[in-house]
Amino acid sequence: MPRASREAGFRLRVVVWAKKLRVAPRQIRIQPMTRKWASCSATGRVTFSRELLHKPHDFQTYVIVHELLHLRLANHGKLFRASLRAHLGHNRWLARSVPSASRQRDQ
């Protein structure tokens, strides 16, 4: 699939999740990132690593929801984690895979 199509599909998923979560990112960017899968600014800009487009769908969804929730909750406290679980459920794959994958990017 061409990069432009992959990015367009990913952006659409971000917009769909933003509506579900009732948040409104000011800007959605996809760019090369070397240390993180994504980031969220205080001004509402959400940036995703281009490499994320090549990762499994479940992992992409986790990162999308994680970053969009930061538009509401800035930290990773109990309320943030509860919101993440409420929207993603208790996916065992996520529970096992995401914490290690999100702490350190594959090099």
PDB file of N, CA and C in Angstrom:
ATOM      1  N   MET A   1       0.845  -1.176   0.000  1.00  0.00           N
ATOM      2  CA  MET A   1       0.000   0.000   0.000  1.00  0.00           C
ATOM      3  C   MET A   1       0.895   1.247   0.000  1.00  0.00           C
ATOM      4  N   PRO A   2       0.631   2.213  -0.861  1.00  0.00           N
ATOM      5  CA  PRO A   2       1.442   3.430  -0.911  1.00  0.00           C
ATOM      6  C   PRO A   2       1.375   4.196   0.414  1.00  0.00           C
ATOM      7  N   ARG A   3       2.456   4.901   0.723  1.00  0.00           N
ATOM      8  CA  ARG A   3       2.543   5.637   1.980  1.00  0.00           C
ATOM      9  C   ARG A   3       1.392   6.622   2.150  1.00  0.00           C
ATOM     10  N   ALA A   4       1.033   7.336   1.087  1.00  0.00           N
ATOM     11  CA  ALA A   4      -0.049   8.324   1.185  1.00  0.00           C
ATOM     12  C   ALA A   4      -1.362   7.654   1.591  1.00  0.00           C
ATOM     13  N   SER A   5      -1.638   6.489   1.034  1.00  0.00           N
ATOM     14  CA  SER A   5      -2.867   5.761   1.382  1.00  0.00           C
ATOM     15  C   SER A   5      -2.826   5.273   2.820  1.00  0.00           C
ATOM     16  N   ARG A   6      -1.669   4.770   3.226  1.00  0.00           N
ATOM     17  CA  ARG A   6      -1.502   4.277   4.593  1.00  0.00           C
ATOM     18  C   ARG A   6      -1.706   5.421   5.588  1.00  0.00           C
ATOM     19  N   GLU A   7      -1.109   6.590   5.279  1.00  0.00           N
ATOM     20  CA  GLU A   7      -1.253   7.750   6.163  1.00  0.00           C
ATOM     21  C   GLU A   7      -2.695   8.241   6.205  1.00  0.00           C
ATOM     22  N   ALA A   8      -3.362   8.260   5.058  1.00  0.00           N
ATOM     23  CA  ALA A   8      -4.756   8.717   5.013  1.00  0.00           C
ATOM     24  C   ALA A   8      -5.649   7.804   5.854  1.00  0.00           C
ATOM     25  N   GLY A   9      -5.446   6.507   5.739  1.00  0.00           N
ATOM     26  CA  GLY A   9      -6.222   5.560   6.531  1.00  0.00           C
ATOM     27  C   GLY A   9      -5.967   5.712   8.023  1.00  0.00           C
ATOM     28  N   PHE A  10      -4.707   5.936   8.371  1.00  0.00           N
ATOM     29  CA  PHE A  10      -4.349   6.126   9.778  1.00  0.00           C
ATOM     30  C   PHE A  10      -4.989   7.405  10.318  1.00  0.00           C
ATOM     31  N   ARG A  11      -4.895   8.482   9.556  1.00  0.00           N
ATOM     32  CA  ARG A  11      -5.507   9.760   9.976  1.00  0.00           C
ATOM     33  C   ARG A  11      -7.010   9.596  10.189  1.00  0.00           C
ATOM     34  N   LEU A  12      -7.646   8.851   9.308  1.00  0.00           N
ATOM     35  CA  LEU A  12      -9.079   8.611   9.447  1.00  0.00           C
ATOM     36  C   LEU A  12      -9.374   7.893  10.762  1.00  0.00           C
ATOM     37  N   ARG A  13      -8.561   6.910  11.098  1.00  0.00           N
ATOM     38  CA  ARG A  13      -8.735   6.200  12.373  1.00  0.00           C
ATOM     39  C   ARG A  13      -8.559   7.143  13.555  1.00  0.00           C
ATOM     40  N   VAL A  14      -7.606   8.071  13.460  1.00  0.00           N
ATOM     41  CA  VAL A  14      -7.409   9.052  14.536  1.00  0.00           C
ATOM     42  C   VAL A  14      -8.657   9.922  14.683  1.00  0.00           C
ATOM     43  N   VAL A  15      -9.198  10.385  13.567  1.00  0.00           N
ATOM     44  CA  VAL A  15     -10.401  11.229  13.599  1.00  0.00           C
ATOM     45  C   VAL A  15     -11.588  10.463  14.189  1.00  0.00           C
ATOM     46  N   VAL A  16     -11.750   9.212  13.791  1.00  0.00           N
ATOM     47  CA  VAL A  16     -12.853   8.387  14.311  1.00  0.00           C
ATOM     48  C   VAL A  16     -12.718   8.220  15.826  1.00  0.00           C
ATOM     49  N   TRP A  17     -11.514   7.914  16.289  1.00  0.00           N
ATOM     50  CA  TRP A  17     -11.297   7.761  17.724  1.00  0.00           C
ATOM     51  C   TRP A  17     -11.474   9.085  18.453  1.00  0.00           C
ATOM     52  N   ALA A  18     -11.053  10.173  17.860  1.00  0.00           N
ATOM     53  CA  ALA A  18     -11.238  11.487  18.494  1.00  0.00           C
ATOM     54  C   ALA A  18     -12.725  11.750  18.730  1.00  0.00           C
ATOM     55  N   LYS A  19     -13.550  11.408  17.767  1.00  0.00           N
ATOM     56  CA  LYS A  19     -15.004  11.583  17.934  1.00  0.00           C
ATOM     57  C   LYS A  19     -15.533  10.686  19.047  1.00  0.00           C
ATOM     58  N   LYS A  20     -15.077   9.423  19.076  1.00  0.00           N
ATOM     59  CA  LYS A  20     -15.519   8.501  20.127  1.00  0.00           C
ATOM     60  C   LYS A  20     -15.137   9.015  21.515  1.00  0.00           C
ATOM     61  N   LEU A  21     -13.942   9.589  21.606  1.00  0.00           N
ATOM     62  CA  LEU A  21     -13.427  10.056  22.890  1.00  0.00           C
ATOM     63  C   LEU A  21     -13.875  11.479  23.219  1.00  0.00           C
ATOM     64  N   ARG A  22     -14.543  12.104  22.258  1.00  0.00           N
ATOM     65  CA  ARG A  22     -15.018  13.488  22.406  1.00  0.00           C
ATOM     66  C   ARG A  22     -13.879  14.454  22.707  1.00  0.00           C
ATOM     67  N   VAL A  23     -12.834  14.329  21.905  1.00  0.00           N
ATOM     68  CA  VAL A  23     -11.713  15.267  21.961  1.00  0.00           C
ATOM     69  C   VAL A  23     -11.520  15.840  20.565  1.00  0.00           C
ATOM     70  N   ALA A  24     -10.851  16.973  20.500  1.00  0.00           N
ATOM     71  CA  ALA A  24     -10.666  17.638  19.204  1.00  0.00           C
ATOM     72  C   ALA A  24      -9.215  18.078  19.049  1.00  0.00           C
ATOM     73  N   PRO A  25      -8.375  17.202  18.483  1.00  0.00           N
ATOM     74  CA  PRO A  25      -6.992  17.623  18.253  1.00  0.00           C
ATOM     75  C   PRO A  25      -6.948  18.787  17.267  1.00  0.00           C
ATOM     76  N   ARG A  26      -6.107  19.775  17.550  1.00  0.00           N
ATOM     77  CA  ARG A  26      -5.968  20.916  16.638  1.00  0.00           C
ATOM     78  C   ARG A  26      -5.248  20.510  15.367  1.00  0.00           C
ATOM     79  N   GLN A  27      -4.310  19.585  15.509  1.00  0.00           N
ATOM     80  CA  GLN A  27      -3.523  19.156  14.355  1.00  0.00           C
ATOM     81  C   GLN A  27      -3.110  17.700  14.561  1.00  0.00           C
ATOM     82  N   ILE A  28      -3.114  16.936  13.479  1.00  0.00           N
ATOM     83  CA  ILE A  28      -2.652  15.548  13.499  1.00  0.00           C
ATOM     84  C   ILE A  28      -1.481  15.467  12.531  1.00  0.00           C
ATOM     85  N   ARG A  29      -0.318  15.109  13.067  1.00  0.00           N
ATOM     86  CA  ARG A  29       0.869  15.007  12.213  1.00  0.00           C
ATOM     87  C   ARG A  29       1.411  13.586  12.237  1.00  0.00           C
ATOM     88  N   ILE A  30       1.998  13.197  11.108  1.00  0.00           N
ATOM     89  CA  ILE A  30       2.703  11.922  11.002  1.00  0.00           C
ATOM     90  C   ILE A  30       4.074  12.264  10.454  1.00  0.00           C
ATOM     91  N   GLN A  31       5.104  11.916  11.206  1.00  0.00           N
ATOM     92  CA  GLN A  31       6.461  12.287  10.804  1.00  0.00           C
ATOM     93  C   GLN A  31       7.458  11.292  11.381  1.00  0.00           C
ATOM     94  N   PRO A  32       8.684  11.317  10.897  1.00  0.00           N
ATOM     95  CA  PRO A  32       9.698  10.445  11.492  1.00  0.00           C
ATOM     96  C   PRO A  32       9.942  10.851  12.951  1.00  0.00           C
ATOM     97  N   MET A  33       9.997   9.882  13.825  1.00  0.00           N
ATOM     98  CA  MET A  33      10.308  10.114  15.237  1.00  0.00           C
ATOM     99  C   MET A  33      11.264   9.005  15.652  1.00  0.00           C
ATOM    100  N   THR A  34      12.307   9.349  16.370  1.00  0.00           N
ATOM    101  CA  THR A  34      13.305   8.337  16.706  1.00  0.00           C
ATOM    102  C   THR A  34      13.171   7.775  18.115  1.00  0.00           C
ATOM    103  N   ARG A  35      12.518   8.487  19.021  1.00  0.00           N
ATOM    104  CA  ARG A  35      12.478   8.039  20.410  1.00  0.00           C
ATOM    105  C   ARG A  35      11.091   7.697  20.941  1.00  0.00           C
ATOM    106  N   LYS A  36      10.051   8.099  20.241  1.00  0.00           N
ATOM    107  CA  LYS A  36       8.690   7.872  20.731  1.00  0.00           C
ATOM    108  C   LYS A  36       7.810   7.367  19.597  1.00  0.00           C
ATOM    109  N   TRP A  37       6.712   6.736  19.987  1.00  0.00           N
ATOM    110  CA  TRP A  37       5.712   6.338  18.995  1.00  0.00           C
ATOM    111  C   TRP A  37       4.795   7.497  18.675  1.00  0.00           C
ATOM    112  N   ALA A  38       4.627   8.394  19.649  1.00  0.00           N
ATOM    113  CA  ALA A  38       3.729   9.532  19.443  1.00  0.00           C
ATOM    114  C   ALA A  38       3.947  10.542  20.554  1.00  0.00           C
ATOM    115  N   SER A  39       3.372  11.730  20.354  1.00  0.00           N
ATOM    116  CA  SER A  39       3.391  12.751  21.397  1.00  0.00           C
ATOM    117  C   SER A  39       2.164  13.633  21.251  1.00  0.00           C
ATOM    118  N   CYS A  40       1.853  14.323  22.338  1.00  0.00           N
ATOM    119  CA  CYS A  40       0.700  15.216  22.367  1.00  0.00           C
ATOM    120  C   CYS A  40       1.148  16.509  23.030  1.00  0.00           C
ATOM    121  N   SER A  41       0.893  17.638  22.395  1.00  0.00           N
ATOM    122  CA  SER A  41       1.301  18.920  22.966  1.00  0.00           C
ATOM    123  C   SER A  41       0.157  19.546  23.752  1.00  0.00           C
ATOM    124  N   ALA A  42       0.500  20.486  24.611  1.00  0.00           N
ATOM    125  CA  ALA A  42      -0.509  21.205  25.398  1.00  0.00           C
ATOM    126  C   ALA A  42      -1.430  22.025  24.504  1.00  0.00           C
ATOM    127  N   THR A  43      -0.983  22.332  23.295  1.00  0.00           N
ATOM    128  CA  THR A  43      -1.806  23.120  22.366  1.00  0.00           C
ATOM    129  C   THR A  43      -2.745  22.251  21.532  1.00  0.00           C
ATOM    130  N   GLY A  44      -2.691  20.924  21.730  1.00  0.00           N
ATOM    131  CA  GLY A  44      -3.610  20.039  21.026  1.00  0.00           C
ATOM    132  C   GLY A  44      -3.069  19.406  19.761  1.00  0.00           C
ATOM    133  N   ARG A  45      -1.777  19.544  19.520  1.00  0.00           N
ATOM    134  CA  ARG A  45      -1.176  18.894  18.353  1.00  0.00           C
ATOM    135  C   ARG A  45      -0.790  17.465  18.739  1.00  0.00           C
ATOM    136  N   VAL A  46      -1.237  16.500  17.951  1.00  0.00           N
ATOM    137  CA  VAL A  46      -0.916  15.094  18.184  1.00  0.00           C
ATOM    138  C   VAL A  46      -0.026  14.637  17.033  1.00  0.00           C
ATOM    139  N   THR A  47       1.146  14.119  17.386  1.00  0.00           N
ATOM    140  CA  THR A  47       2.126  13.698  16.388  1.00  0.00           C
ATOM    141  C   THR A  47       2.383  12.207  16.548  1.00  0.00           C
ATOM    142  N   PHE A  48       2.357  11.488  15.437  1.00  0.00           N
ATOM    143  CA  PHE A  48       2.587  10.049  15.438  1.00  0.00           C
ATOM    144  C   PHE A  48       3.815   9.718  14.604  1.00  0.00           C
ATOM    145  N   SER A  49       4.545   8.699  15.034  1.00  0.00           N
ATOM    146  CA  SER A  49       5.703   8.222  14.290  1.00  0.00           C
ATOM    147  C   SER A  49       5.260   7.572  12.982  1.00  0.00           C
ATOM    148  N   ARG A  50       5.944   7.889  11.923  1.00  0.00           N
ATOM    149  CA  ARG A  50       5.640   7.263  10.633  1.00  0.00           C
ATOM    150  C   ARG A  50       5.841   5.744  10.721  1.00  0.00           C
ATOM    151  N   GLU A  51       6.786   5.307  11.530  1.00  0.00           N
ATOM    152  CA  GLU A  51       7.047   3.873  11.689  1.00  0.00           C
ATOM    153  C   GLU A  51       5.843   3.139  12.297  1.00  0.00           C
ATOM    154  N   LEU A  52       5.019   3.855  13.051  1.00  0.00           N
ATOM    155  CA  LEU A  52       3.829   3.260  13.661  1.00  0.00           C
ATOM    156  C   LEU A  52       2.883   2.692  12.604  1.00  0.00           C
ATOM    157  N   LEU A  53       2.913   3.254  11.406  1.00  0.00           N
ATOM    158  CA  LEU A  53       2.037   2.797  10.325  1.00  0.00           C
ATOM    159  C   LEU A  53       2.344   1.361   9.903  1.00  0.00           C
ATOM    160  N   HIS A  54       3.513   0.860  10.291  1.00  0.00           N
ATOM    161  CA  HIS A  54       3.924  -0.502   9.928  1.00  0.00           C
ATOM    162  C   HIS A  54       3.757  -1.490  11.081  1.00  0.00           C
ATOM    163  N   LYS A  55       3.188  -1.030  12.174  1.00  0.00           N
ATOM    164  CA  LYS A  55       2.997  -1.887  13.346  1.00  0.00           C
ATOM    165  C   LYS A  55       1.604  -2.519  13.318  1.00  0.00           C
ATOM    166  N   PRO A  56       1.369  -3.537  14.152  1.00  0.00           N
ATOM    167  CA  PRO A  56       0.058  -4.199  14.183  1.00  0.00           C
ATOM    168  C   PRO A  56      -1.083  -3.225  14.508  1.00  0.00           C
ATOM    169  N   HIS A  57      -2.234  -3.506  13.950  1.00  0.00           N
ATOM    170  CA  HIS A  57      -3.427  -2.668  14.108  1.00  0.00           C
ATOM    171  C   HIS A  57      -3.750  -2.403  15.583  1.00  0.00           C
ATOM    172  N   ASP A  58      -3.705  -3.440  16.433  1.00  0.00           N
ATOM    173  CA  ASP A  58      -4.007  -3.270  17.857  1.00  0.00           C
ATOM    174  C   ASP A  58      -3.041  -2.304  18.523  1.00  0.00           C
ATOM    175  N   PHE A  59      -1.772  -2.410  18.159  1.00  0.00           N
ATOM    176  CA  PHE A  59      -0.777  -1.505  18.736  1.00  0.00           C
ATOM    177  C   PHE A  59      -1.040  -0.073  18.278  1.00  0.00           C
ATOM    178  N   GLN A  60      -1.343   0.113  17.001  1.00  0.00           N
ATOM    179  CA  GLN A  60      -1.679   1.449  16.493  1.00  0.00           C
ATOM    180  C   GLN A  60      -2.863   2.026  17.265  1.00  0.00           C
ATOM    181  N   THR A  61      -3.891   1.210  17.463  1.00  0.00           N
ATOM    182  CA  THR A  61      -5.082   1.668  18.178  1.00  0.00           C
ATOM    183  C   THR A  61      -4.732   2.101  19.593  1.00  0.00           C
ATOM    184  N   TYR A  62      -3.908   1.297  20.269  1.00  0.00           N
ATOM    185  CA  TYR A  62      -3.484   1.660  21.624  1.00  0.00           C
ATOM    186  C   TYR A  62      -2.808   3.026  21.624  1.00  0.00           C
ATOM    187  N   VAL A  63      -1.876   3.245  20.714  1.00  0.00           N
ATOM    188  CA  VAL A  63      -1.137   4.510  20.675  1.00  0.00           C
ATOM    189  C   VAL A  63      -2.082   5.668  20.342  1.00  0.00           C
ATOM    190  N   ILE A  64      -2.981   5.465  19.399  1.00  0.00           N
ATOM    191  CA  ILE A  64      -3.948   6.511  19.034  1.00  0.00           C
ATOM    192  C   ILE A  64      -4.777   6.909  20.253  1.00  0.00           C
ATOM    193  N   VAL A  65      -5.377   5.922  20.915  1.00  0.00           N
ATOM    194  CA  VAL A  65      -6.236   6.209  22.066  1.00  0.00           C
ATOM    195  C   VAL A  65      -5.426   6.833  23.196  1.00  0.00           C
ATOM    196  N   HIS A  66      -4.240   6.291  23.448  1.00  0.00           N
ATOM    197  CA  HIS A  66      -3.362   6.811  24.498  1.00  0.00           C
ATOM    198  C   HIS A  66      -3.091   8.303  24.287  1.00  0.00           C
ATOM    199  N   GLU A  67      -2.670   8.663  23.095  1.00  0.00           N
ATOM    200  CA  GLU A  67      -2.339  10.074  22.839  1.00  0.00           C
ATOM    201  C   GLU A  67      -3.571  10.964  22.866  1.00  0.00           C
ATOM    202  N   LEU A  68      -4.672  10.513  22.292  1.00  0.00           N
ATOM    203  CA  LEU A  68      -5.880  11.340  22.298  1.00  0.00           C
ATOM    204  C   LEU A  68      -6.408  11.555  23.712  1.00  0.00           C
ATOM    205  N   LEU A  69      -6.271  10.564  24.580  1.00  0.00           N
ATOM    206  CA  LEU A  69      -6.703  10.747  25.964  1.00  0.00           C
ATOM    207  C   LEU A  69      -5.889  11.823  26.670  1.00  0.00           C
ATOM    208  N   HIS A  70      -4.663  12.034  26.221  1.00  0.00           N
ATOM    209  CA  HIS A  70      -3.841  13.095  26.818  1.00  0.00           C
ATOM    210  C   HIS A  70      -4.411  14.487  26.532  1.00  0.00           C
ATOM    211  N   LEU A  71      -5.289  14.598  25.574  1.00  0.00           N
ATOM    212  CA  LEU A  71      -5.939  15.892  25.349  1.00  0.00           C
ATOM    213  C   LEU A  71      -6.894  16.209  26.502  1.00  0.00           C
ATOM    214  N   ARG A  72      -7.273  15.190  27.258  1.00  0.00           N
ATOM    215  CA  ARG A  72      -8.137  15.356  28.429  1.00  0.00           C
ATOM    216  C   ARG A  72      -7.384  15.225  29.738  1.00  0.00           C
ATOM    217  N   LEU A  73      -6.484  14.267  29.785  1.00  0.00           N
ATOM    218  CA  LEU A  73      -5.759  13.947  31.018  1.00  0.00           C
ATOM    219  C   LEU A  73      -4.263  13.961  30.728  1.00  0.00           C
ATOM    220  N   ALA A  74      -3.552  14.909  31.309  1.00  0.00           N
ATOM    221  CA  ALA A  74      -2.145  15.114  30.951  1.00  0.00           C
ATOM    222  C   ALA A  74      -1.203  14.044  31.501  1.00  0.00           C
ATOM    223  N   ASN A  75      -1.565  13.397  32.606  1.00  0.00           N
ATOM    224  CA  ASN A  75      -0.623  12.450  33.208  1.00  0.00           C
ATOM    225  C   ASN A  75      -1.062  11.010  32.974  1.00  0.00           C
ATOM    226  N   HIS A  76      -0.300  10.083  33.566  1.00  0.00           N
ATOM    227  CA  HIS A  76      -0.600   8.659  33.428  1.00  0.00           C
ATOM    228  C   HIS A  76      -1.165   8.092  34.731  1.00  0.00           C
ATOM    229  N   GLY A  77      -1.908   8.892  35.455  1.00  0.00           N
ATOM    230  CA  GLY A  77      -2.456   8.479  36.745  1.00  0.00           C
ATOM    231  C   GLY A  77      -3.560   7.440  36.621  1.00  0.00           C
ATOM    232  N   LYS A  78      -4.188   7.163  37.768  1.00  0.00           N
ATOM    233  CA  LYS A  78      -5.231   6.127  37.823  1.00  0.00           C
ATOM    234  C   LYS A  78      -6.398   6.437  36.896  1.00  0.00           C
ATOM    235  N   LEU A  79      -6.817   7.691  36.840  1.00  0.00           N
ATOM    236  CA  LEU A  79      -7.942   8.061  35.981  1.00  0.00           C
ATOM    237  C   LEU A  79      -7.595   7.843  34.505  1.00  0.00           C
ATOM    238  N   PHE A  80      -6.361   8.191  34.129  1.00  0.00           N
ATOM    239  CA  PHE A  80      -5.912   7.985  32.748  1.00  0.00           C
ATOM    240  C   PHE A  80      -5.941   6.494  32.408  1.00  0.00           C
ATOM    241  N   ARG A  81      -5.348   5.679  33.275  1.00  0.00           N
ATOM    242  CA  ARG A  81      -5.296   4.237  33.017  1.00  0.00           C
ATOM    243  C   ARG A  81      -6.698   3.623  32.987  1.00  0.00           C
ATOM    244  N   ALA A  82      -7.577   4.092  33.858  1.00  0.00           N
ATOM    245  CA  ALA A  82      -8.957   3.596  33.861  1.00  0.00           C
ATOM    246  C   ALA A  82      -9.671   3.982  32.564  1.00  0.00           C
ATOM    247  N   SER A  83      -9.431   5.193  32.078  1.00  0.00           N
ATOM    248  CA  SER A  83     -10.036   5.630  30.809  1.00  0.00           C
ATOM    249  C   SER A  83      -9.522   4.789  29.650  1.00  0.00           C
ATOM    250  N   LEU A  84      -8.235   4.513  29.662  1.00  0.00           N
ATOM    251  CA  LEU A  84      -7.638   3.683  28.616  1.00  0.00           C
ATOM    252  C   LEU A  84      -8.283   2.299  28.613  1.00  0.00           C
ATOM    253  N   ARG A  85      -8.408   1.702  29.793  1.00  0.00           N
ATOM    254  CA  ARG A  85      -9.049   0.378  29.890  1.00  0.00           C
ATOM    255  C   ARG A  85     -10.514   0.438  29.473  1.00  0.00           C
ATOM    256  N   ALA A  86     -11.198   1.507  29.843  1.00  0.00           N
ATOM    257  CA  ALA A  86     -12.619   1.634  29.498  1.00  0.00           C
ATOM    258  C   ALA A  86     -12.825   1.665  27.989  1.00  0.00           C
ATOM    259  N   HIS A  87     -11.903   2.273  27.272  1.00  0.00           N
ATOM    260  CA  HIS A  87     -12.057   2.405  25.825  1.00  0.00           C
ATOM    261  C   HIS A  87     -11.452   1.245  25.044  1.00  0.00           C
ATOM    262  N   LEU A  88     -10.451   0.600  25.613  1.00  0.00           N
ATOM    263  CA  LEU A  88      -9.795  -0.491  24.893  1.00  0.00           C
ATOM    264  C   LEU A  88     -10.134  -1.861  25.459  1.00  0.00           C
ATOM    265  N   GLY A  89     -10.757  -1.908  26.615  1.00  0.00           N
ATOM    266  CA  GLY A  89     -11.080  -3.185  27.229  1.00  0.00           C
ATOM    267  C   GLY A  89      -9.856  -3.809  27.865  1.00  0.00           C
ATOM    268  N   HIS A  90      -9.997  -5.034  28.236  1.00  0.00           N
ATOM    269  CA  HIS A  90      -8.904  -5.754  28.894  1.00  0.00           C
ATOM    270  C   HIS A  90      -8.250  -6.697  27.896  1.00  0.00           C
ATOM    271  N   ASN A  91      -7.734  -6.144  26.845  1.00  0.00           N
ATOM    272  CA  ASN A  91      -7.089  -6.926  25.803  1.00  0.00           C
ATOM    273  C   ASN A  91      -5.788  -7.508  26.357  1.00  0.00           C
ATOM    274  N   ARG A  92      -5.711  -8.820  26.441  1.00  0.00           N
ATOM    275  CA  ARG A  92      -4.513  -9.448  27.002  1.00  0.00           C
ATOM    276  C   ARG A  92      -3.267  -9.152  26.185  1.00  0.00           C
ATOM    277  N   TRP A  93      -3.417  -9.100  24.859  1.00  0.00           N
ATOM    278  CA  TRP A  93      -2.253  -8.785  24.022  1.00  0.00           C
ATOM    279  C   TRP A  93      -1.717  -7.415  24.387  1.00  0.00           C
ATOM    280  N   LEU A  94      -2.610  -6.447  24.541  1.00  0.00           N
ATOM    281  CA  LEU A  94      -2.173  -5.100  24.899  1.00  0.00           C
ATOM    282  C   LEU A  94      -1.540  -5.085  26.275  1.00  0.00           C
ATOM    283  N   ALA A  95      -2.150  -5.767  27.209  1.00  0.00           N
ATOM    284  CA  ALA A  95      -1.623  -5.774  28.571  1.00  0.00           C
ATOM    285  C   ALA A  95      -0.206  -6.333  28.618  1.00  0.00           C
ATOM    286  N   ARG A  96       0.078  -7.333  27.786  1.00  0.00           N
ATOM    287  CA  ARG A  96       1.418  -7.936  27.767  1.00  0.00           C
ATOM    288  C   ARG A  96       2.394  -7.172  26.892  1.00  0.00           C
ATOM    289  N   SER A  97       1.952  -6.707  25.742  1.00  0.00           N
ATOM    290  CA  SER A  97       2.861  -6.186  24.724  1.00  0.00           C
ATOM    291  C   SER A  97       3.120  -4.697  24.796  1.00  0.00           C
ATOM    292  N   VAL A  98       2.112  -3.917  25.075  1.00  0.00           N
ATOM    293  CA  VAL A  98       2.260  -2.469  24.968  1.00  0.00           C
ATOM    294  C   VAL A  98       3.174  -1.869  26.017  1.00  0.00           C
ATOM    295  N   PRO A  99       3.099  -2.262  27.296  1.00  0.00           N
ATOM    296  CA  PRO A  99       3.982  -1.594  28.249  1.00  0.00           C
ATOM    297  C   PRO A  99       5.453  -1.661  27.856  1.00  0.00           C
ATOM    298  N   SER A 100       5.940  -2.816  27.421  1.00  0.00           N
ATOM    299  CA  SER A 100       7.347  -2.907  27.033  1.00  0.00           C
ATOM    300  C   SER A 100       7.605  -2.191  25.716  1.00  0.00           C
ATOM    301  N   ALA A 101       6.683  -2.274  24.787  1.00  0.00           N
ATOM    302  CA  ALA A 101       6.878  -1.621  23.491  1.00  0.00           C
ATOM    303  C   ALA A 101       6.804  -0.110  23.609  1.00  0.00           C
ATOM    304  N   SER A 102       5.992   0.387  24.532  1.00  0.00           N
ATOM    305  CA  SER A 102       5.823   1.831  24.619  1.00  0.00           C
ATOM    306  C   SER A 102       6.933   2.493  25.418  1.00  0.00           C
ATOM    307  N   ARG A 103       7.629   1.742  26.236  1.00  0.00           N
ATOM    308  CA  ARG A 103       8.715   2.340  27.009  1.00  0.00           C
ATOM    309  C   ARG A 103       9.947   2.593  26.160  1.00  0.00           C
ATOM    310  N   GLN A 104      10.206   1.714  25.230  1.00  0.00           N
ATOM    311  CA  GLN A 104      11.402   1.869  24.413  1.00  0.00           C
ATOM    312  C   GLN A 104      11.103   1.436  22.989  1.00  0.00           C
ATOM    313  N   ARG A 105      11.393   2.319  22.070  1.00  0.00           N
ATOM    314  CA  ARG A 105      11.166   2.042  20.651  1.00  0.00           C
ATOM    315  C   ARG A 105      12.123   0.970  20.162  1.00  0.00           C
ATOM    316  N   ASP A 106      11.671   0.186  19.191  1.00  0.00           N
ATOM    317  CA  ASP A 106      12.562  -0.765  18.505  1.00  0.00           C
ATOM    318  C   ASP A 106      13.615   0.053  17.784  1.00  0.00           C
ATOM    319  N   GLN A 107      14.825  -0.393  17.799  1.00  0.00           N
ATOM    320  CA  GLN A 107      15.887   0.355  17.103  1.00  0.00           C
ATOM    321  C   GLN A 107      16.317  -0.370  15.861  1.00  0.00           C
TER     322      GLN A 107
END
